Amino acid sequence: SLIILAYSFSPNFLDEEFSGLFSAFQTPVFPLIMIIHLTYGKEPTHTLIKNIPKGQIAVIFYVLCIYFTYSIYGIYLGTLLAYLLVAIYLLFLFLINKRIKK
């Protein structure tokens, strides 16, 4: 729990560029895992944990898209483009996984 606490409070001591990165990463994942586990049991929790790396790559891709699109298109259009690009990535990932399972 000290690691999560340190991670959660470290943006307070960094400049804006680095503290923004912390808002997109794993702070909310641990409580989500606990809620899923306590509510639904271990099966859905294992599924969630197994798929976290795929979701994390999507989050990193989103942050990179935001970095490049906000300065060019602004917040609203930049966010829309970032969501669209991440949705395309996730659809592509889904199609690849579906093809591999055949």
PDB file of N, CA and C in Angstrom:
ATOM      1  N   SER A   1       0.814  -1.193   0.000  1.00  0.00           N
ATOM      2  CA  SER A   1       0.000   0.000   0.000  1.00  0.00           C
ATOM      3  C   SER A   1       0.861   1.262   0.000  1.00  0.00           C
ATOM      4  N   LEU A   2       2.064   1.167   0.550  1.00  0.00           N
ATOM      5  CA  LEU A   2       2.958   2.331   0.535  1.00  0.00           C
ATOM      6  C   LEU A   2       3.383   2.686  -0.885  1.00  0.00           C
ATOM      7  N   ILE A   3       3.545   1.683  -1.730  1.00  0.00           N
ATOM      8  CA  ILE A   3       3.918   1.950  -3.122  1.00  0.00           C
ATOM      9  C   ILE A   3       2.793   2.698  -3.822  1.00  0.00           C
ATOM     10  N   ILE A   4       1.548   2.258  -3.614  1.00  0.00           N
ATOM     11  CA  ILE A   4       0.402   2.937  -4.235  1.00  0.00           C
ATOM     12  C   ILE A   4       0.275   4.353  -3.698  1.00  0.00           C
ATOM     13  N   LEU A   5       0.468   4.520  -2.411  1.00  0.00           N
ATOM     14  CA  LEU A   5       0.398   5.846  -1.804  1.00  0.00           C
ATOM     15  C   LEU A   5       1.488   6.763  -2.355  1.00  0.00           C
ATOM     16  N   ALA A   6       2.716   6.262  -2.460  1.00  0.00           N
ATOM     17  CA  ALA A   6       3.810   7.055  -3.019  1.00  0.00           C
ATOM     18  C   ALA A   6       3.539   7.408  -4.475  1.00  0.00           C
ATOM     19  N   TYR A   7       3.032   6.453  -5.212  1.00  0.00           N
ATOM     20  CA  TYR A   7       2.708   6.695  -6.622  1.00  0.00           C
ATOM     21  C   TYR A   7       1.609   7.742  -6.754  1.00  0.00           C
ATOM     22  N   SER A   8       0.615   7.671  -5.879  1.00  0.00           N
ATOM     23  CA  SER A   8      -0.515   8.594  -5.955  1.00  0.00           C
ATOM     24  C   SER A   8      -0.125  10.022  -5.595  1.00  0.00           C
ATOM     25  N   PHE A   9       0.816  10.183  -4.677  1.00  0.00           N
ATOM     26  CA  PHE A   9       1.189  11.517  -4.243  1.00  0.00           C
ATOM     27  C   PHE A   9       2.398  12.095  -4.974  1.00  0.00           C
ATOM     28  N   SER A  10       3.118  11.292  -5.734  1.00  0.00           N
ATOM     29  CA  SER A  10       4.313  11.797  -6.412  1.00  0.00           C
ATOM     30  C   SER A  10       4.031  12.892  -7.427  1.00  0.00           C
ATOM     31  N   PRO A  11       2.869  12.941  -8.106  1.00  0.00           N
ATOM     32  CA  PRO A  11       2.631  14.066  -9.009  1.00  0.00           C
ATOM     33  C   PRO A  11       2.639  15.428  -8.325  1.00  0.00           C
ATOM     34  N   ASN A  12       2.377  15.452  -7.019  1.00  0.00           N
ATOM     35  CA  ASN A  12       2.409  16.717  -6.287  1.00  0.00           C
ATOM     36  C   ASN A  12       3.799  17.331  -6.243  1.00  0.00           C
ATOM     37  N   PHE A  13       4.826  16.510  -6.444  1.00  0.00           N
ATOM     38  CA  PHE A  13       6.193  16.987  -6.323  1.00  0.00           C
ATOM     39  C   PHE A  13       6.893  17.124  -7.675  1.00  0.00           C
ATOM     40  N   LEU A  14       6.187  16.868  -8.760  1.00  0.00           N
ATOM     41  CA  LEU A  14       6.765  16.940 -10.098  1.00  0.00           C
ATOM     42  C   LEU A  14       6.159  18.120 -10.853  1.00  0.00           C
ATOM     43  N   ASP A  15       6.813  18.519 -11.948  1.00  0.00           N
ATOM     44  CA  ASP A  15       6.230  19.598 -12.733  1.00  0.00           C
ATOM     45  C   ASP A  15       5.049  19.089 -13.554  1.00  0.00           C
ATOM     46  N   GLU A  16       4.388  19.988 -14.272  1.00  0.00           N
ATOM     47  CA  GLU A  16       3.149  19.652 -14.975  1.00  0.00           C
ATOM     48  C   GLU A  16       3.331  18.565 -16.031  1.00  0.00           C
ATOM     49  N   GLU A  17       4.461  18.561 -16.709  1.00  0.00           N
ATOM     50  CA  GLU A  17       4.675  17.582 -17.774  1.00  0.00           C
ATOM     51  C   GLU A  17       4.668  16.152 -17.233  1.00  0.00           C
ATOM     52  N   PHE A  18       5.337  15.937 -16.125  1.00  0.00           N
ATOM     53  CA  PHE A  18       5.415  14.590 -15.567  1.00  0.00           C
ATOM     54  C   PHE A  18       4.175  14.225 -14.760  1.00  0.00           C
ATOM     55  N   SER A  19       3.597  15.186 -14.052  1.00  0.00           N
ATOM     56  CA  SER A  19       2.429  14.851 -13.237  1.00  0.00           C
ATOM     57  C   SER A  19       1.234  14.471 -14.098  1.00  0.00           C
ATOM     58  N   GLY A  20       1.142  14.989 -15.317  1.00  0.00           N
ATOM     59  CA  GLY A  20       0.066  14.615 -16.220  1.00  0.00           C
ATOM     60  C   GLY A  20       0.124  13.153 -16.615  1.00  0.00           C
ATOM     61  N   LEU A  21       1.321  12.610 -16.702  1.00  0.00           N
ATOM     62  CA  LEU A  21       1.460  11.200 -17.044  1.00  0.00           C
ATOM     63  C   LEU A  21       0.864  10.294 -15.979  1.00  0.00           C
ATOM     64  N   PHE A  22       0.974  10.707 -14.730  1.00  0.00           N
ATOM     65  CA  PHE A  22       0.474   9.869 -13.638  1.00  0.00           C
ATOM     66  C   PHE A  22      -1.045   9.754 -13.645  1.00  0.00           C
ATOM     67  N   SER A  23      -1.730  10.738 -14.207  1.00  0.00           N
ATOM     68  CA  SER A  23      -3.190  10.691 -14.193  1.00  0.00           C
ATOM     69  C   SER A  23      -3.738   9.598 -15.103  1.00  0.00           C
ATOM     70  N   ALA A  24      -2.933   9.114 -16.038  1.00  0.00           N
ATOM     71  CA  ALA A  24      -3.416   8.135 -17.004  1.00  0.00           C
ATOM     72  C   ALA A  24      -3.078   6.697 -16.637  1.00  0.00           C
ATOM     73  N   PHE A  25      -2.364   6.482 -15.551  1.00  0.00           N
ATOM     74  CA  PHE A  25      -1.897   5.134 -15.274  1.00  0.00           C
ATOM     75  C   PHE A  25      -2.590   4.492 -14.094  1.00  0.00           C
ATOM     76  N   GLN A  26      -2.013   3.544 -13.474  1.00  0.00           N
ATOM     77  CA  GLN A  26      -2.632   2.486 -12.686  1.00  0.00           C
ATOM     78  C   GLN A  26      -3.234   2.840 -11.339  1.00  0.00           C
ATOM     79  N   THR A  27      -3.332   4.055 -10.938  1.00  0.00           N
ATOM     80  CA  THR A  27      -3.907   4.344  -9.625  1.00  0.00           C
ATOM     81  C   THR A  27      -5.309   3.777  -9.468  1.00  0.00           C
ATOM     82  N   PRO A  28      -6.210   3.881 -10.447  1.00  0.00           N
ATOM     83  CA  PRO A  28      -7.560   3.335 -10.243  1.00  0.00           C
ATOM     84  C   PRO A  28      -7.686   1.826 -10.426  1.00  0.00           C
ATOM     85  N   VAL A  29      -6.665   1.150 -10.897  1.00  0.00           N
ATOM     86  CA  VAL A  29      -6.791  -0.275 -11.202  1.00  0.00           C
ATOM     87  C   VAL A  29      -6.904  -1.126  -9.936  1.00  0.00           C
ATOM     88  N   PHE A  30      -6.132  -0.850  -8.930  1.00  0.00           N
ATOM     89  CA  PHE A  30      -6.161  -1.669  -7.718  1.00  0.00           C
ATOM     90  C   PHE A  30      -7.537  -1.658  -7.047  1.00  0.00           C
ATOM     91  N   PRO A  31      -8.155  -0.494  -6.830  1.00  0.00           N
ATOM     92  CA  PRO A  31      -9.502  -0.532  -6.247  1.00  0.00           C
ATOM     93  C   PRO A  31     -10.505  -1.264  -7.142  1.00  0.00           C
ATOM     94  N   LEU A  32     -10.368  -1.131  -8.452  1.00  0.00           N
ATOM     95  CA  LEU A  32     -11.256  -1.836  -9.368  1.00  0.00           C
ATOM     96  C   LEU A  32     -11.108  -3.346  -9.209  1.00  0.00           C
ATOM     97  N   ILE A  33      -9.878  -3.817  -9.129  1.00  0.00           N
ATOM     98  CA  ILE A  33      -9.634  -5.248  -8.944  1.00  0.00           C
ATOM     99  C   ILE A  33     -10.246  -5.725  -7.626  1.00  0.00           C
ATOM    100  N   MET A  34     -10.081  -4.940  -6.573  1.00  0.00           N
ATOM    101  CA  MET A  34     -10.662  -5.325  -5.279  1.00  0.00           C
ATOM    102  C   MET A  34     -12.185  -5.384  -5.342  1.00  0.00           C
ATOM    103  N   ILE A  35     -12.811  -4.404  -5.982  1.00  0.00           N
ATOM    104  CA  ILE A  35     -14.273  -4.385  -6.087  1.00  0.00           C
ATOM    105  C   ILE A  35     -14.764  -5.580  -6.893  1.00  0.00           C
ATOM    106  N   ILE A  36     -14.127  -5.846  -8.023  1.00  0.00           N
ATOM    107  CA  ILE A  36     -14.533  -6.976  -8.860  1.00  0.00           C
ATOM    108  C   ILE A  36     -14.359  -8.284  -8.087  1.00  0.00           C
ATOM    109  N   HIS A  37     -13.232  -8.427  -7.392  1.00  0.00           N
ATOM    110  CA  HIS A  37     -12.969  -9.660  -6.654  1.00  0.00           C
ATOM    111  C   HIS A  37     -13.990  -9.870  -5.528  1.00  0.00           C
ATOM    112  N   LEU A  38     -14.238  -8.830  -4.750  1.00  0.00           N
ATOM    113  CA  LEU A  38     -15.155  -8.967  -3.617  1.00  0.00           C
ATOM    114  C   LEU A  38     -16.611  -9.123  -4.067  1.00  0.00           C
ATOM    115  N   THR A  39     -16.954  -8.555  -5.217  1.00  0.00           N
ATOM    116  CA  THR A  39     -18.337  -8.619  -5.692  1.00  0.00           C
ATOM    117  C   THR A  39     -18.622  -9.880  -6.500  1.00  0.00           C
ATOM    118  N   TYR A  40     -17.685 -10.236  -7.406  1.00  0.00           N
ATOM    119  CA  TYR A  40     -17.963 -11.313  -8.353  1.00  0.00           C
ATOM    120  C   TYR A  40     -17.078 -12.550  -8.199  1.00  0.00           C
ATOM    121  N   GLY A  41     -16.023 -12.459  -7.410  1.00  0.00           N
ATOM    122  CA  GLY A  41     -15.176 -13.623  -7.196  1.00  0.00           C
ATOM    123  C   GLY A  41     -13.904 -13.602  -8.023  1.00  0.00           C
ATOM    124  N   LYS A  42     -13.204 -14.749  -8.010  1.00  0.00           N
ATOM    125  CA  LYS A  42     -11.879 -14.782  -8.605  1.00  0.00           C
ATOM    126  C   LYS A  42     -11.880 -14.930 -10.127  1.00  0.00           C
ATOM    127  N   GLU A  43     -12.896 -15.551 -10.711  1.00  0.00           N
ATOM    128  CA  GLU A  43     -12.903 -15.781 -12.167  1.00  0.00           C
ATOM    129  C   GLU A  43     -12.867 -14.463 -12.953  1.00  0.00           C
ATOM    130  N   PRO A  44     -13.805 -13.517 -12.700  1.00  0.00           N
ATOM    131  CA  PRO A  44     -13.739 -12.255 -13.430  1.00  0.00           C
ATOM    132  C   PRO A  44     -12.493 -11.441 -13.102  1.00  0.00           C
ATOM    133  N   THR A  45     -12.008 -11.591 -11.876  1.00  0.00           N
ATOM    134  CA  THR A  45     -10.793 -10.874 -11.485  1.00  0.00           C
ATOM    135  C   THR A  45      -9.604 -11.373 -12.287  1.00  0.00           C
ATOM    136  N   HIS A  46      -9.496 -12.681 -12.467  1.00  0.00           N
ATOM    137  CA  HIS A  46      -8.401 -13.236 -13.272  1.00  0.00           C
ATOM    138  C   HIS A  46      -8.489 -12.760 -14.714  1.00  0.00           C
ATOM    139  N   THR A  47      -9.702 -12.694 -15.246  1.00  0.00           N
ATOM    140  CA  THR A  47      -9.888 -12.196 -16.612  1.00  0.00           C
ATOM    141  C   THR A  47      -9.439 -10.746 -16.720  1.00  0.00           C
ATOM    142  N   LEU A  48      -9.801  -9.944 -15.738  1.00  0.00           N
ATOM    143  CA  LEU A  48      -9.398  -8.539 -15.732  1.00  0.00           C
ATOM    144  C   LEU A  48      -7.883  -8.402 -15.673  1.00  0.00           C
ATOM    145  N   ILE A  49      -7.251  -9.130 -14.773  1.00  0.00           N
ATOM    146  CA  ILE A  49      -5.795  -9.046 -14.622  1.00  0.00           C
ATOM    147  C   ILE A  49      -5.093  -9.534 -15.885  1.00  0.00           C
ATOM    148  N   LYS A  50      -5.644 -10.564 -16.505  1.00  0.00           N
ATOM    149  CA  LYS A  50      -5.040 -11.100 -17.722  1.00  0.00           C
ATOM    150  C   LYS A  50      -5.064 -10.086 -18.867  1.00  0.00           C
ATOM    151  N   ASN A  51      -6.064  -9.214 -18.884  1.00  0.00           N
ATOM    152  CA  ASN A  51      -6.211  -8.260 -19.981  1.00  0.00           C
ATOM    153  C   ASN A  51      -5.689  -6.862 -19.675  1.00  0.00           C
ATOM    154  N   ILE A  52      -5.183  -6.643 -18.479  1.00  0.00           N
ATOM    155  CA  ILE A  52      -4.648  -5.328 -18.133  1.00  0.00           C
ATOM    156  C   ILE A  52      -3.527  -4.890 -19.076  1.00  0.00           C
ATOM    157  N   PRO A  53      -2.584  -5.754 -19.465  1.00  0.00           N
ATOM    158  CA  PRO A  53      -1.534  -5.281 -20.384  1.00  0.00           C
ATOM    159  C   PRO A  53      -2.076  -4.731 -21.706  1.00  0.00           C
ATOM    160  N   LYS A  54      -3.110  -5.353 -22.245  1.00  0.00           N
ATOM    161  CA  LYS A  54      -3.706  -4.844 -23.487  1.00  0.00           C
ATOM    162  C   LYS A  54      -4.310  -3.459 -23.255  1.00  0.00           C
ATOM    163  N   GLY A  55      -5.004  -3.319 -22.162  1.00  0.00           N
ATOM    164  CA  GLY A  55      -5.595  -2.029 -21.840  1.00  0.00           C
ATOM    165  C   GLY A  55      -4.547  -0.978 -21.531  1.00  0.00           C
ATOM    166  N   GLN A  56      -3.468  -1.390 -20.891  1.00  0.00           N
ATOM    167  CA  GLN A  56      -2.414  -0.441 -20.562  1.00  0.00           C
ATOM    168  C   GLN A  56      -1.743   0.099 -21.816  1.00  0.00           C
ATOM    169  N   ILE A  57      -1.556  -0.748 -22.806  1.00  0.00           N
ATOM    170  CA  ILE A  57      -0.987  -0.288 -24.072  1.00  0.00           C
ATOM    171  C   ILE A  57      -1.927   0.730 -24.709  1.00  0.00           C
ATOM    172  N   ALA A  58      -3.237   0.499 -24.611  1.00  0.00           N
ATOM    173  CA  ALA A  58      -4.197   1.462 -25.148  1.00  0.00           C
ATOM    174  C   ALA A  58      -4.108   2.795 -24.414  1.00  0.00           C
ATOM    175  N   VAL A  59      -3.900   2.759 -23.101  1.00  0.00           N
ATOM    176  CA  VAL A  59      -3.767   3.995 -22.326  1.00  0.00           C
ATOM    177  C   VAL A  59      -2.503   4.747 -22.737  1.00  0.00           C
ATOM    178  N   ILE A  60      -1.404   4.029 -22.898  1.00  0.00           N
ATOM    179  CA  ILE A  60      -0.153   4.663 -23.331  1.00  0.00           C
ATOM    180  C   ILE A  60      -0.337   5.271 -24.724  1.00  0.00           C
ATOM    181  N   PHE A  61      -0.992   4.542 -25.611  1.00  0.00           N
ATOM    182  CA  PHE A  61      -1.271   5.045 -26.958  1.00  0.00           C
ATOM    183  C   PHE A  61      -2.137   6.298 -26.888  1.00  0.00           C
ATOM    184  N   TYR A  62      -3.136   6.311 -26.007  1.00  0.00           N
ATOM    185  CA  TYR A  62      -3.994   7.483 -25.817  1.00  0.00           C
ATOM    186  C   TYR A  62      -3.181   8.684 -25.352  1.00  0.00           C
ATOM    187  N   VAL A  63      -2.310   8.479 -24.379  1.00  0.00           N
ATOM    188  CA  VAL A  63      -1.481   9.581 -23.864  1.00  0.00           C
ATOM    189  C   VAL A  63      -0.592  10.131 -24.970  1.00  0.00           C
ATOM    190  N   LEU A  64      -0.017   9.253 -25.770  1.00  0.00           N
ATOM    191  CA  LEU A  64       0.815   9.721 -26.888  1.00  0.00           C
ATOM    192  C   LEU A  64      -0.012  10.489 -27.914  1.00  0.00           C
ATOM    193  N   CYS A  65      -1.217  10.010 -28.187  1.00  0.00           N
ATOM    194  CA  CYS A  65      -2.092  10.722 -29.125  1.00  0.00           C
ATOM    195  C   CYS A  65      -2.437  12.115 -28.599  1.00  0.00           C
ATOM    196  N   ILE A  66      -2.738  12.190 -27.315  1.00  0.00           N
ATOM    197  CA  ILE A  66      -3.039  13.480 -26.690  1.00  0.00           C
ATOM    198  C   ILE A  66      -1.840  14.418 -26.818  1.00  0.00           C
ATOM    199  N   TYR A  67      -0.669  13.893 -26.564  1.00  0.00           N
ATOM    200  CA  TYR A  67       0.553  14.702 -26.638  1.00  0.00           C
ATOM    201  C   TYR A  67       0.703  15.340 -28.020  1.00  0.00           C
ATOM    202  N   PHE A  68       0.422  14.578 -29.051  1.00  0.00           N
ATOM    203  CA  PHE A  68       0.621  15.090 -30.402  1.00  0.00           C
ATOM    204  C   PHE A  68      -0.582  15.854 -30.955  1.00  0.00           C
ATOM    205  N   THR A  69      -1.794  15.566 -30.500  1.00  0.00           N
ATOM    206  CA  THR A  69      -2.962  16.207 -31.094  1.00  0.00           C
ATOM    207  C   THR A  69      -3.413  17.481 -30.392  1.00  0.00           C
ATOM    208  N   TYR A  70      -3.189  17.617 -29.091  1.00  0.00           N
ATOM    209  CA  TYR A  70      -3.666  18.804 -28.386  1.00  0.00           C
ATOM    210  C   TYR A  70      -3.044  20.081 -28.927  1.00  0.00           C
ATOM    211  N   SER A  71      -1.754  20.067 -29.176  1.00  0.00           N
ATOM    212  CA  SER A  71      -1.093  21.293 -29.626  1.00  0.00           C
ATOM    213  C   SER A  71      -1.517  21.674 -31.045  1.00  0.00           C
ATOM    214  N   ILE A  72      -1.925  20.711 -31.835  1.00  0.00           N
ATOM    215  CA  ILE A  72      -2.316  20.984 -33.220  1.00  0.00           C
ATOM    216  C   ILE A  72      -3.813  21.281 -33.328  1.00  0.00           C
ATOM    217  N   TYR A  73      -4.651  20.454 -32.690  1.00  0.00           N
ATOM    218  CA  TYR A  73      -6.104  20.532 -32.870  1.00  0.00           C
ATOM    219  C   TYR A  73      -6.867  21.086 -31.678  1.00  0.00           C
ATOM    220  N   GLY A  74      -6.216  21.283 -30.562  1.00  0.00           N
ATOM    221  CA  GLY A  74      -6.910  21.764 -29.373  1.00  0.00           C
ATOM    222  C   GLY A  74      -7.452  20.606 -28.544  1.00  0.00           C
ATOM    223  N   ILE A  75      -8.041  20.952 -27.409  1.00  0.00           N
ATOM    224  CA  ILE A  75      -8.476  19.931 -26.458  1.00  0.00           C
ATOM    225  C   ILE A  75      -9.628  19.095 -27.004  1.00  0.00           C
ATOM    226  N   TYR A  76     -10.643  19.725 -27.558  1.00  0.00           N
ATOM    227  CA  TYR A  76     -11.847  18.981 -27.951  1.00  0.00           C
ATOM    228  C   TYR A  76     -11.594  18.065 -29.142  1.00  0.00           C
ATOM    229  N   LEU A  77     -11.074  18.613 -30.214  1.00  0.00           N
ATOM    230  CA  LEU A  77     -10.812  17.788 -31.387  1.00  0.00           C
ATOM    231  C   LEU A  77      -9.655  16.823 -31.127  1.00  0.00           C
ATOM    232  N   GLY A  78      -8.675  17.253 -30.354  1.00  0.00           N
ATOM    233  CA  GLY A  78      -7.562  16.370 -29.998  1.00  0.00           C
ATOM    234  C   GLY A  78      -8.022  15.164 -29.200  1.00  0.00           C
ATOM    235  N   THR A  79      -8.935  15.391 -28.253  1.00  0.00           N
ATOM    236  CA  THR A  79      -9.483  14.283 -27.473  1.00  0.00           C
ATOM    237  C   THR A  79     -10.296  13.346 -28.359  1.00  0.00           C
ATOM    238  N   LEU A  80     -11.109  13.908 -29.218  1.00  0.00           N
ATOM    239  CA  LEU A  80     -11.901  13.091 -30.132  1.00  0.00           C
ATOM    240  C   LEU A  80     -11.010  12.242 -31.039  1.00  0.00           C
ATOM    241  N   LEU A  81      -9.972  12.848 -31.586  1.00  0.00           N
ATOM    242  CA  LEU A  81      -9.043  12.096 -32.436  1.00  0.00           C
ATOM    243  C   LEU A  81      -8.317  11.005 -31.651  1.00  0.00           C
ATOM    244  N   ALA A  82      -7.908  11.321 -30.422  1.00  0.00           N
ATOM    245  CA  ALA A  82      -7.210  10.334 -29.601  1.00  0.00           C
ATOM    246  C   ALA A  82      -8.124   9.143 -29.309  1.00  0.00           C
ATOM    247  N   TYR A  83      -9.388   9.407 -28.941  1.00  0.00           N
ATOM    248  CA  TYR A  83     -10.335   8.316 -28.700  1.00  0.00           C
ATOM    249  C   TYR A  83     -10.557   7.491 -29.962  1.00  0.00           C
ATOM    250  N   LEU A  84     -10.680   8.168 -31.082  1.00  0.00           N
ATOM    251  CA  LEU A  84     -10.884   7.467 -32.345  1.00  0.00           C
ATOM    252  C   LEU A  84      -9.697   6.570 -32.688  1.00  0.00           C
ATOM    253  N   LEU A  85      -8.486   7.091 -32.525  1.00  0.00           N
ATOM    254  CA  LEU A  85      -7.295   6.290 -32.809  1.00  0.00           C
ATOM    255  C   LEU A  85      -7.159   5.102 -31.865  1.00  0.00           C
ATOM    256  N   VAL A  86      -7.477   5.308 -30.602  1.00  0.00           N
ATOM    257  CA  VAL A  86      -7.417   4.203 -29.639  1.00  0.00           C
ATOM    258  C   VAL A  86      -8.502   3.171 -29.951  1.00  0.00           C
ATOM    259  N   ALA A  87      -9.680   3.617 -30.347  1.00  0.00           N
ATOM    260  CA  ALA A  87     -10.743   2.679 -30.722  1.00  0.00           C
ATOM    261  C   ALA A  87     -10.315   1.839 -31.925  1.00  0.00           C
ATOM    262  N   ILE A  88      -9.664   2.467 -32.894  1.00  0.00           N
ATOM    263  CA  ILE A  88      -9.158   1.731 -34.053  1.00  0.00           C
ATOM    264  C   ILE A  88      -8.107   0.715 -33.626  1.00  0.00           C
ATOM    265  N   TYR A  89      -7.211   1.124 -32.724  1.00  0.00           N
ATOM    266  CA  TYR A  89      -6.192   0.198 -32.208  1.00  0.00           C
ATOM    267  C   TYR A  89      -6.852  -0.999 -31.525  1.00  0.00           C
ATOM    268  N   LEU A  90      -7.845  -0.743 -30.658  1.00  0.00           N
ATOM    269  CA  LEU A  90      -8.501  -1.832 -29.936  1.00  0.00           C
ATOM    270  C   LEU A  90      -9.280  -2.744 -30.882  1.00  0.00           C
ATOM    271  N   LEU A  91      -9.908  -2.176 -31.901  1.00  0.00           N
ATOM    272  CA  LEU A  91     -10.595  -2.994 -32.895  1.00  0.00           C
ATOM    273  C   LEU A  91      -9.601  -3.874 -33.653  1.00  0.00           C
ATOM    274  N   PHE A  92      -8.480  -3.289 -34.027  1.00  0.00           N
ATOM    275  CA  PHE A  92      -7.420  -4.046 -34.702  1.00  0.00           C
ATOM    276  C   PHE A  92      -6.912  -5.168 -33.808  1.00  0.00           C
ATOM    277  N   LEU A  93      -6.697  -4.889 -32.533  1.00  0.00           N
ATOM    278  CA  LEU A  93      -6.244  -5.895 -31.578  1.00  0.00           C
ATOM    279  C   LEU A  93      -7.277  -7.013 -31.429  1.00  0.00           C
ATOM    280  N   PHE A  94      -8.548  -6.640 -31.358  1.00  0.00           N
ATOM    281  CA  PHE A  94      -9.623  -7.626 -31.265  1.00  0.00           C
ATOM    282  C   PHE A  94      -9.637  -8.539 -32.489  1.00  0.00           C
ATOM    283  N   LEU A  95      -9.503  -7.960 -33.677  1.00  0.00           N
ATOM    284  CA  LEU A  95      -9.516  -8.762 -34.908  1.00  0.00           C
ATOM    285  C   LEU A  95      -8.312  -9.699 -34.983  1.00  0.00           C
ATOM    286  N   ILE A  96      -7.154  -9.230 -34.534  1.00  0.00           N
ATOM    287  CA  ILE A  96      -5.964 -10.085 -34.515  1.00  0.00           C
ATOM    288  C   ILE A  96      -6.166 -11.240 -33.544  1.00  0.00           C
ATOM    289  N   ASN A  97      -6.665 -10.957 -32.349  1.00  0.00           N
ATOM    290  CA  ASN A  97      -6.892 -12.011 -31.348  1.00  0.00           C
ATOM    291  C   ASN A  97      -7.938 -13.009 -31.821  1.00  0.00           C
ATOM    292  N   LYS A  98      -8.951 -12.527 -32.508  1.00  0.00           N
ATOM    293  CA  LYS A  98      -9.982 -13.404 -33.035  1.00  0.00           C
ATOM    294  C   LYS A  98      -9.405 -14.330 -34.109  1.00  0.00           C
ATOM    295  N   ARG A  99      -8.538 -13.804 -34.951  1.00  0.00           N
ATOM    296  CA  ARG A  99      -7.903 -14.598 -36.012  1.00  0.00           C
ATOM    297  C   ARG A  99      -6.948 -15.632 -35.411  1.00  0.00           C
ATOM    298  N   ILE A 100      -6.219 -15.259 -34.368  1.00  0.00           N
ATOM    299  CA  ILE A 100      -5.278 -16.183 -33.731  1.00  0.00           C
ATOM    300  C   ILE A 100      -6.021 -17.350 -33.084  1.00  0.00           C
ATOM    301  N   LYS A 101      -7.184 -17.113 -32.509  1.00  0.00           N
ATOM    302  CA  LYS A 101      -7.937 -18.170 -31.818  1.00  0.00           C
ATOM    303  C   LYS A 101      -8.563 -19.164 -32.773  1.00  0.00           C
ATOM    304  N   LYS A 102      -8.663 -18.845 -34.066  1.00  0.00           N
ATOM    305  CA  LYS A 102      -9.249 -19.781 -35.042  1.00  0.00           C
ATOM    306  C   LYS A 102      -8.385 -20.963 -35.290  1.00  0.00           C
TER     307      LYS A 102
END
